[in-house]
Protein backbone atom coordinates (compact mmCIF):
# COMPACT_ATOMS: atom_id res chain seq x y z
CA UNK A 1 0.00 0.00 0.00
CA UNK A 2 1.37 3.37 -1.00
CA UNK A 3 1.44 6.08 1.64
CA UNK A 4 2.60 9.68 1.29
CA UNK A 5 2.53 11.54 4.58
CA UNK A 6 3.38 15.20 5.13
CA UNK A 7 4.34 16.74 8.44
CA UNK A 8 5.84 19.92 9.83
CA UNK A 9 3.14 22.46 9.12
CA UNK A 10 1.98 25.00 11.65
CA UNK A 11 1.54 28.65 12.49
CA UNK A 12 4.53 30.96 12.09
CA UNK A 13 5.06 34.70 12.10
CA UNK A 14 6.06 36.56 8.95
CA UNK A 15 9.78 36.25 8.39
CA UNK A 16 9.89 32.93 10.18
CA UNK A 17 10.86 29.47 8.98
CA UNK A 18 9.35 26.01 8.79
CA UNK A 19 10.57 22.70 7.45
CA UNK A 20 8.08 20.34 5.91
CA UNK A 21 8.76 16.64 5.58
CA UNK A 22 7.13 14.07 3.35
CA UNK A 23 7.67 10.38 3.97
CA UNK A 24 6.71 7.94 1.25
CA UNK A 25 6.27 4.20 1.66
CA UNK A 26 5.18 1.40 -0.62
CA UNK A 27 7.09 2.80 -3.60
CA UNK A 28 10.62 2.63 -4.93
CA UNK A 29 11.33 6.15 -3.76
CA UNK A 30 14.53 6.66 -5.71
CA UNK A 31 12.74 6.37 -9.06
CA UNK A 32 10.08 8.93 -8.18
CA UNK A 33 10.27 12.61 -8.93
CA UNK A 34 9.00 14.45 -5.87
CA UNK A 35 7.20 17.73 -5.56
CA UNK A 36 5.52 20.14 -3.20
CA UNK A 37 2.33 21.91 -4.18
CA UNK A 38 0.09 24.26 -2.26
CA UNK A 39 -3.49 25.39 -2.31
CA UNK A 40 -4.76 28.53 -0.65
CA UNK A 41 -8.45 29.06 0.10
CA UNK A 42 -10.36 29.89 -3.06
CA UNK A 43 -7.35 29.28 -5.29
CA UNK A 44 -6.15 26.46 -7.48
CA UNK A 45 -3.42 24.12 -6.40
CA UNK A 46 -0.05 25.40 -7.59
CA UNK A 47 3.43 24.05 -7.94
CA UNK A 48 5.90 25.13 -5.27
CA UNK A 49 8.99 23.05 -5.96
CA UNK A 50 10.07 19.79 -7.50
CA UNK A 51 13.13 17.59 -7.27
CA UNK A 52 13.95 14.92 -9.80
CA UNK A 53 15.37 11.48 -9.20
CA UNK A 54 18.75 12.93 -10.13
CA UNK A 55 18.45 15.84 -7.74
CA UNK A 56 17.57 18.60 -10.20
CA UNK A 57 15.29 21.20 -8.65
CA UNK A 58 12.67 23.59 -9.91
CA UNK A 59 10.89 26.37 -8.04
CA UNK A 60 7.95 28.65 -8.52
CA UNK A 61 9.09 32.24 -9.00
CA UNK A 62 7.25 33.26 -5.85
CA UNK A 63 9.43 31.08 -3.62
CA UNK A 64 12.81 31.23 -5.36
CA UNK A 65 15.54 32.21 -2.95
CA UNK A 66 13.36 31.49 0.08
CA UNK A 67 12.43 27.80 -0.18
CA UNK A 68 14.71 24.81 -0.67
CA UNK A 69 13.60 21.32 -1.65
CA UNK A 70 15.78 18.32 -0.89
CA UNK A 71 15.45 14.56 -0.71
CA UNK A 72 16.98 11.72 1.28
CA UNK A 73 16.56 8.50 -0.64
CA UNK A 74 17.84 6.45 2.30
CA UNK A 75 14.92 7.74 4.38
CA UNK A 76 12.34 7.84 1.55
CA UNK A 77 11.74 11.45 2.51
CA UNK A 78 11.57 14.79 0.76
CA UNK A 79 11.86 18.10 2.58
CA UNK A 80 10.85 21.67 1.98
CA UNK A 81 12.78 24.25 3.96
CA UNK A 82 10.81 27.48 3.97
CA UNK A 83 12.50 30.69 5.09
CA UNK A 84 11.41 34.32 5.12
CA UNK A 85 7.80 33.23 5.13
CA UNK A 86 5.13 35.68 4.03
CA UNK A 87 1.38 35.77 4.72
CA UNK A 88 0.80 34.86 1.08
CA UNK A 89 2.56 31.54 1.70
CA UNK A 90 -0.42 30.49 3.81
CA UNK A 91 -1.91 27.36 2.26
CA UNK A 92 -2.29 23.63 2.56
CA UNK A 93 0.93 22.09 1.31
CA UNK A 94 0.76 18.78 -0.51
CA UNK A 95 3.47 16.30 -1.35
CA UNK A 96 3.44 14.55 -4.69
CA UNK A 97 5.32 11.48 -5.87
CA UNK A 98 5.43 10.88 -9.61
CA UNK A 99 7.02 7.83 -11.15
CA UNK A 100 9.95 8.60 -13.42
CA UNK A 101 8.70 6.04 -15.95
CA UNK A 102 5.11 7.23 -16.21
CA UNK A 103 3.42 10.59 -15.59
CA UNK A 104 0.17 8.77 -14.90
CA UNK A 105 1.61 7.02 -11.86
CA UNK A 106 1.48 9.59 -9.11
CA UNK A 107 0.45 9.77 -5.49
CA UNK A 108 -0.59 12.62 -3.23
CA UNK A 109 -0.39 13.14 0.48
CA UNK A 110 -3.23 14.45 2.59
CA UNK A 111 -1.67 17.88 3.04
CA UNK A 112 -0.34 19.91 5.93
CA UNK A 113 -1.50 23.40 6.84
CA UNK A 114 0.98 26.27 6.86
CA UNK A 115 -0.28 29.56 8.26
CA UNK A 116 1.82 32.72 8.26
CA UNK A 117 0.38 35.42 10.46
CA UNK A 118 1.34 37.85 13.17
C-alpha atoms as a PDB file:
ATOM      1  CA  UNK A   1       0.000   0.000   0.000  1.00  0.00           C
ATOM      2  CA  UNK A   2       1.365   3.375  -0.996  1.00  0.00           C
ATOM      3  CA  UNK A   3       1.440   6.083   1.645  1.00  0.00           C
ATOM      4  CA  UNK A   4       2.601   9.677   1.285  1.00  0.00           C
ATOM      5  CA  UNK A   5       2.528  11.535   4.578  1.00  0.00           C
ATOM      6  CA  UNK A   6       3.380  15.199   5.133  1.00  0.00           C
ATOM      7  CA  UNK A   7       4.340  16.739   8.441  1.00  0.00           C
ATOM      8  CA  UNK A   8       5.840  19.919   9.834  1.00  0.00           C
ATOM      9  CA  UNK A   9       3.141  22.455   9.124  1.00  0.00           C
ATOM     10  CA  UNK A  10       1.980  25.002  11.650  1.00  0.00           C
ATOM     11  CA  UNK A  11       1.543  28.651  12.489  1.00  0.00           C
ATOM     12  CA  UNK A  12       4.530  30.956  12.086  1.00  0.00           C
ATOM     13  CA  UNK A  13       5.063  34.700  12.104  1.00  0.00           C
ATOM     14  CA  UNK A  14       6.060  36.564   8.949  1.00  0.00           C
ATOM     15  CA  UNK A  15       9.781  36.248   8.388  1.00  0.00           C
ATOM     16  CA  UNK A  16       9.892  32.928  10.182  1.00  0.00           C
ATOM     17  CA  UNK A  17      10.858  29.469   8.984  1.00  0.00           C
ATOM     18  CA  UNK A  18       9.352  26.011   8.790  1.00  0.00           C
ATOM     19  CA  UNK A  19      10.566  22.699   7.446  1.00  0.00           C
ATOM     20  CA  UNK A  20       8.076  20.340   5.907  1.00  0.00           C
ATOM     21  CA  UNK A  21       8.761  16.638   5.579  1.00  0.00           C
ATOM     22  CA  UNK A  22       7.128  14.068   3.347  1.00  0.00           C
ATOM     23  CA  UNK A  23       7.666  10.377   3.969  1.00  0.00           C
ATOM     24  CA  UNK A  24       6.708   7.937   1.252  1.00  0.00           C
ATOM     25  CA  UNK A  25       6.274   4.202   1.660  1.00  0.00           C
ATOM     26  CA  UNK A  26       5.185   1.403  -0.621  1.00  0.00           C
ATOM     27  CA  UNK A  27       7.090   2.798  -3.603  1.00  0.00           C
ATOM     28  CA  UNK A  28      10.622   2.635  -4.927  1.00  0.00           C
ATOM     29  CA  UNK A  29      11.327   6.146  -3.756  1.00  0.00           C
ATOM     30  CA  UNK A  30      14.533   6.659  -5.710  1.00  0.00           C
ATOM     31  CA  UNK A  31      12.743   6.370  -9.056  1.00  0.00           C
ATOM     32  CA  UNK A  32      10.080   8.926  -8.182  1.00  0.00           C
ATOM     33  CA  UNK A  33      10.267  12.615  -8.926  1.00  0.00           C
ATOM     34  CA  UNK A  34       9.000  14.449  -5.870  1.00  0.00           C
ATOM     35  CA  UNK A  35       7.202  17.725  -5.557  1.00  0.00           C
ATOM     36  CA  UNK A  36       5.519  20.140  -3.203  1.00  0.00           C
ATOM     37  CA  UNK A  37       2.328  21.911  -4.179  1.00  0.00           C
ATOM     38  CA  UNK A  38       0.090  24.256  -2.257  1.00  0.00           C
ATOM     39  CA  UNK A  39      -3.494  25.387  -2.306  1.00  0.00           C
ATOM     40  CA  UNK A  40      -4.757  28.526  -0.649  1.00  0.00           C
ATOM     41  CA  UNK A  41      -8.448  29.058   0.103  1.00  0.00           C
ATOM     42  CA  UNK A  42     -10.356  29.894  -3.060  1.00  0.00           C
ATOM     43  CA  UNK A  43      -7.352  29.276  -5.287  1.00  0.00           C
ATOM     44  CA  UNK A  44      -6.146  26.461  -7.482  1.00  0.00           C
ATOM     45  CA  UNK A  45      -3.418  24.119  -6.398  1.00  0.00           C
ATOM     46  CA  UNK A  46      -0.046  25.402  -7.589  1.00  0.00           C
ATOM     47  CA  UNK A  47       3.432  24.047  -7.935  1.00  0.00           C
ATOM     48  CA  UNK A  48       5.899  25.129  -5.269  1.00  0.00           C
ATOM     49  CA  UNK A  49       8.995  23.049  -5.959  1.00  0.00           C
ATOM     50  CA  UNK A  50      10.070  19.785  -7.498  1.00  0.00           C
ATOM     51  CA  UNK A  51      13.130  17.586  -7.269  1.00  0.00           C
ATOM     52  CA  UNK A  52      13.955  14.920  -9.796  1.00  0.00           C
ATOM     53  CA  UNK A  53      15.375  11.479  -9.202  1.00  0.00           C
ATOM     54  CA  UNK A  54      18.753  12.928 -10.126  1.00  0.00           C
ATOM     55  CA  UNK A  55      18.454  15.842  -7.737  1.00  0.00           C
ATOM     56  CA  UNK A  56      17.571  18.604 -10.198  1.00  0.00           C
ATOM     57  CA  UNK A  57      15.294  21.199  -8.648  1.00  0.00           C
ATOM     58  CA  UNK A  58      12.670  23.590  -9.907  1.00  0.00           C
ATOM     59  CA  UNK A  59      10.888  26.373  -8.038  1.00  0.00           C
ATOM     60  CA  UNK A  60       7.949  28.652  -8.517  1.00  0.00           C
ATOM     61  CA  UNK A  61       9.090  32.237  -8.998  1.00  0.00           C
ATOM     62  CA  UNK A  62       7.247  33.263  -5.854  1.00  0.00           C
ATOM     63  CA  UNK A  63       9.430  31.079  -3.622  1.00  0.00           C
ATOM     64  CA  UNK A  64      12.815  31.229  -5.357  1.00  0.00           C
ATOM     65  CA  UNK A  65      15.543  32.211  -2.954  1.00  0.00           C
ATOM     66  CA  UNK A  66      13.362  31.489   0.081  1.00  0.00           C
ATOM     67  CA  UNK A  67      12.428  27.799  -0.185  1.00  0.00           C
ATOM     68  CA  UNK A  68      14.708  24.805  -0.667  1.00  0.00           C
ATOM     69  CA  UNK A  69      13.598  21.321  -1.645  1.00  0.00           C
ATOM     70  CA  UNK A  70      15.781  18.324  -0.894  1.00  0.00           C
ATOM     71  CA  UNK A  71      15.454  14.559  -0.713  1.00  0.00           C
ATOM     72  CA  UNK A  72      16.981  11.724   1.285  1.00  0.00           C
ATOM     73  CA  UNK A  73      16.559   8.501  -0.642  1.00  0.00           C
ATOM     74  CA  UNK A  74      17.836   6.451   2.297  1.00  0.00           C
ATOM     75  CA  UNK A  75      14.919   7.743   4.381  1.00  0.00           C
ATOM     76  CA  UNK A  76      12.341   7.840   1.554  1.00  0.00           C
ATOM     77  CA  UNK A  77      11.744  11.447   2.508  1.00  0.00           C
ATOM     78  CA  UNK A  78      11.573  14.794   0.755  1.00  0.00           C
ATOM     79  CA  UNK A  79      11.862  18.100   2.585  1.00  0.00           C
ATOM     80  CA  UNK A  80      10.845  21.671   1.977  1.00  0.00           C
ATOM     81  CA  UNK A  81      12.785  24.247   3.957  1.00  0.00           C
ATOM     82  CA  UNK A  82      10.812  27.476   3.970  1.00  0.00           C
ATOM     83  CA  UNK A  83      12.501  30.689   5.087  1.00  0.00           C
ATOM     84  CA  UNK A  84      11.406  34.315   5.123  1.00  0.00           C
ATOM     85  CA  UNK A  85       7.796  33.227   5.128  1.00  0.00           C
ATOM     86  CA  UNK A  86       5.132  35.675   4.027  1.00  0.00           C
ATOM     87  CA  UNK A  87       1.381  35.767   4.723  1.00  0.00           C
ATOM     88  CA  UNK A  88       0.800  34.857   1.078  1.00  0.00           C
ATOM     89  CA  UNK A  89       2.557  31.543   1.697  1.00  0.00           C
ATOM     90  CA  UNK A  90      -0.416  30.494   3.814  1.00  0.00           C
ATOM     91  CA  UNK A  91      -1.907  27.359   2.260  1.00  0.00           C
ATOM     92  CA  UNK A  92      -2.286  23.631   2.565  1.00  0.00           C
ATOM     93  CA  UNK A  93       0.931  22.087   1.313  1.00  0.00           C
ATOM     94  CA  UNK A  94       0.761  18.778  -0.514  1.00  0.00           C
ATOM     95  CA  UNK A  95       3.475  16.305  -1.347  1.00  0.00           C
ATOM     96  CA  UNK A  96       3.438  14.547  -4.691  1.00  0.00           C
ATOM     97  CA  UNK A  97       5.321  11.480  -5.866  1.00  0.00           C
ATOM     98  CA  UNK A  98       5.433  10.879  -9.609  1.00  0.00           C
ATOM     99  CA  UNK A  99       7.021   7.825 -11.155  1.00  0.00           C
ATOM    100  CA  UNK A 100       9.946   8.604 -13.422  1.00  0.00           C
ATOM    101  CA  UNK A 101       8.703   6.040 -15.947  1.00  0.00           C
ATOM    102  CA  UNK A 102       5.108   7.233 -16.211  1.00  0.00           C
ATOM    103  CA  UNK A 103       3.417  10.588 -15.594  1.00  0.00           C
ATOM    104  CA  UNK A 104       0.167   8.768 -14.901  1.00  0.00           C
ATOM    105  CA  UNK A 105       1.612   7.018 -11.865  1.00  0.00           C
ATOM    106  CA  UNK A 106       1.478   9.589  -9.111  1.00  0.00           C
ATOM    107  CA  UNK A 107       0.454   9.772  -5.493  1.00  0.00           C
ATOM    108  CA  UNK A 108      -0.594  12.623  -3.232  1.00  0.00           C
ATOM    109  CA  UNK A 109      -0.391  13.136   0.482  1.00  0.00           C
ATOM    110  CA  UNK A 110      -3.235  14.454   2.592  1.00  0.00           C
ATOM    111  CA  UNK A 111      -1.672  17.882   3.037  1.00  0.00           C
ATOM    112  CA  UNK A 112      -0.340  19.911   5.928  1.00  0.00           C
ATOM    113  CA  UNK A 113      -1.504  23.404   6.843  1.00  0.00           C
ATOM    114  CA  UNK A 114       0.980  26.272   6.861  1.00  0.00           C
ATOM    115  CA  UNK A 115      -0.276  29.556   8.261  1.00  0.00           C
ATOM    116  CA  UNK A 116       1.825  32.721   8.265  1.00  0.00           C
ATOM    117  CA  UNK A 117       0.379  35.419  10.458  1.00  0.00           C
ATOM    118  CA  UNK A 118       1.337  37.847  13.170  1.00  0.00           C
END
